[in-house]
Amino acid sequence: MKNFKKLSLVAIIFILLLIQTRCIGTFSFTEAVYNFNKSVFNKFEGKHVFLVFCILPAYEIAIISDIVRVNVVEFWTGNNLRTMHPRQVETQKLVSK
């Protein structure tokens, strides 16, 4: 009975490893959070934004949501959830200072 339990546990782990192999995506949501932090012009404000993102688990939430949802969907469908759809049009606005 012990051998059967060990064998079934090994089989389950092996099957899970086969299912989950190379399910690595672009981590686009985490990259968006990181790029928002980099977009702060003043280095002192950037440091404060970074600390706030660390205290409030912004990076952790972004990484977990990428791992659990975004990368899995991207892996199985081949489409990134953060990219534009074929019928969407990119527009640019001219802002004067």
Protein backbone atom coordinates (compact mmCIF):
# COMPACT_ATOMS: atom_id res chain seq x y z
CA MET A 1 0.00 0.00 0.00
CA LYS A 2 2.87 2.38 0.77
CA ASN A 3 4.45 1.73 -2.61
CA PHE A 4 1.16 2.45 -4.37
CA LYS A 5 0.86 5.81 -2.58
CA LYS A 6 4.43 6.73 -3.47
CA LEU A 7 3.96 5.66 -7.07
CA SER A 8 0.72 7.59 -7.44
CA LEU A 9 2.30 10.69 -5.87
CA VAL A 10 5.24 10.47 -8.27
CA ALA A 11 2.85 10.01 -11.20
CA ILE A 12 0.79 13.05 -10.17
CA ILE A 13 3.91 15.19 -9.80
CA PHE A 14 5.21 13.99 -13.16
CA ILE A 15 1.91 14.81 -14.88
CA LEU A 16 1.80 18.27 -13.27
CA LEU A 17 5.35 18.94 -14.39
CA LEU A 18 4.46 17.98 -17.95
CA ILE A 19 1.41 20.21 -17.95
CA GLN A 20 3.19 23.24 -16.48
CA THR A 21 6.39 23.16 -18.52
CA ARG A 22 7.45 26.36 -20.27
CA CYS A 23 4.34 28.26 -19.32
CA ILE A 24 6.38 31.44 -19.20
CA GLY A 25 4.96 34.53 -20.78
CA THR A 26 6.11 38.10 -21.16
CA PHE A 27 5.02 39.24 -17.68
CA SER A 28 3.45 42.26 -19.34
CA PHE A 29 1.44 43.38 -16.31
CA THR A 30 4.52 43.33 -14.06
CA GLU A 31 6.44 45.18 -16.76
CA ALA A 32 3.69 47.82 -16.90
CA VAL A 33 3.97 48.39 -13.14
CA TYR A 34 7.75 48.59 -13.44
CA ASN A 35 7.54 51.02 -16.38
CA PHE A 36 5.12 53.21 -14.44
CA ASN A 37 7.66 53.37 -11.64
CA LYS A 38 10.43 54.22 -14.13
CA SER A 39 8.33 56.97 -15.69
CA VAL A 40 8.61 59.15 -12.59
CA PHE A 41 11.07 61.87 -13.57
CA ASN A 42 12.41 62.93 -10.20
CA LYS A 43 14.65 60.27 -8.66
CA PHE A 44 13.43 61.07 -5.13
CA GLU A 45 9.80 60.74 -6.14
CA GLY A 46 10.71 57.52 -7.95
CA LYS A 47 12.22 56.18 -4.75
CA HIS A 48 9.02 57.03 -2.86
CA VAL A 49 6.88 55.38 -5.53
CA PHE A 50 9.10 52.30 -5.33
CA LEU A 51 8.77 52.16 -1.53
CA VAL A 52 4.99 52.57 -1.72
CA PHE A 53 4.84 49.79 -4.32
CA CYS A 54 6.86 47.56 -1.99
CA ILE A 55 4.82 48.38 1.14
CA LEU A 56 1.53 48.01 -0.71
CA PRO A 57 2.19 44.74 -2.49
CA ALA A 58 1.88 46.15 -6.02
CA TYR A 59 4.77 44.15 -7.46
CA GLU A 60 3.66 40.97 -5.72
CA ILE A 61 0.09 41.34 -6.95
CA ALA A 62 1.31 42.04 -10.48
CA ILE A 63 3.62 39.02 -10.49
CA ILE A 64 0.99 36.68 -9.05
CA SER A 65 -1.67 37.87 -11.51
CA ASP A 66 0.81 37.42 -14.36
CA ILE A 67 1.69 33.91 -13.23
CA VAL A 68 -1.85 32.77 -12.49
CA ARG A 69 -3.84 34.44 -15.25
CA VAL A 70 -2.06 36.50 -17.89
CA ASN A 71 0.84 34.19 -18.73
CA VAL A 72 -1.33 31.08 -18.76
CA VAL A 73 -3.82 32.67 -21.16
CA GLU A 74 -0.94 33.98 -23.28
CA PHE A 75 0.65 30.54 -23.35
CA TRP A 76 -2.47 28.63 -24.36
CA THR A 77 -3.97 31.18 -26.79
CA GLY A 78 -0.80 32.75 -28.13
CA ASN A 79 -2.28 36.22 -27.59
CA ASN A 80 -1.09 38.76 -25.10
CA LEU A 81 -4.00 40.19 -23.11
CA ARG A 82 -2.42 43.63 -22.99
CA THR A 83 -2.00 44.06 -26.75
CA MET A 84 -4.50 45.76 -29.00
CA HIS A 85 -7.20 43.86 -30.82
CA PRO A 86 -7.14 43.87 -34.64
CA ARG A 87 -9.92 46.47 -34.91
CA GLN A 88 -8.43 48.87 -32.36
CA VAL A 89 -6.57 51.91 -33.62
CA GLU A 90 -3.69 53.55 -31.82
CA THR A 91 -4.15 57.29 -31.45
CA GLN A 92 -1.63 59.86 -30.36
CA LYS A 93 -2.43 63.19 -28.77
CA LEU A 94 -0.34 66.31 -29.22
CA VAL A 95 0.20 68.03 -25.89
CA SER A 96 1.74 71.49 -25.79
CA LYS A 97 3.61 72.78 -22.78
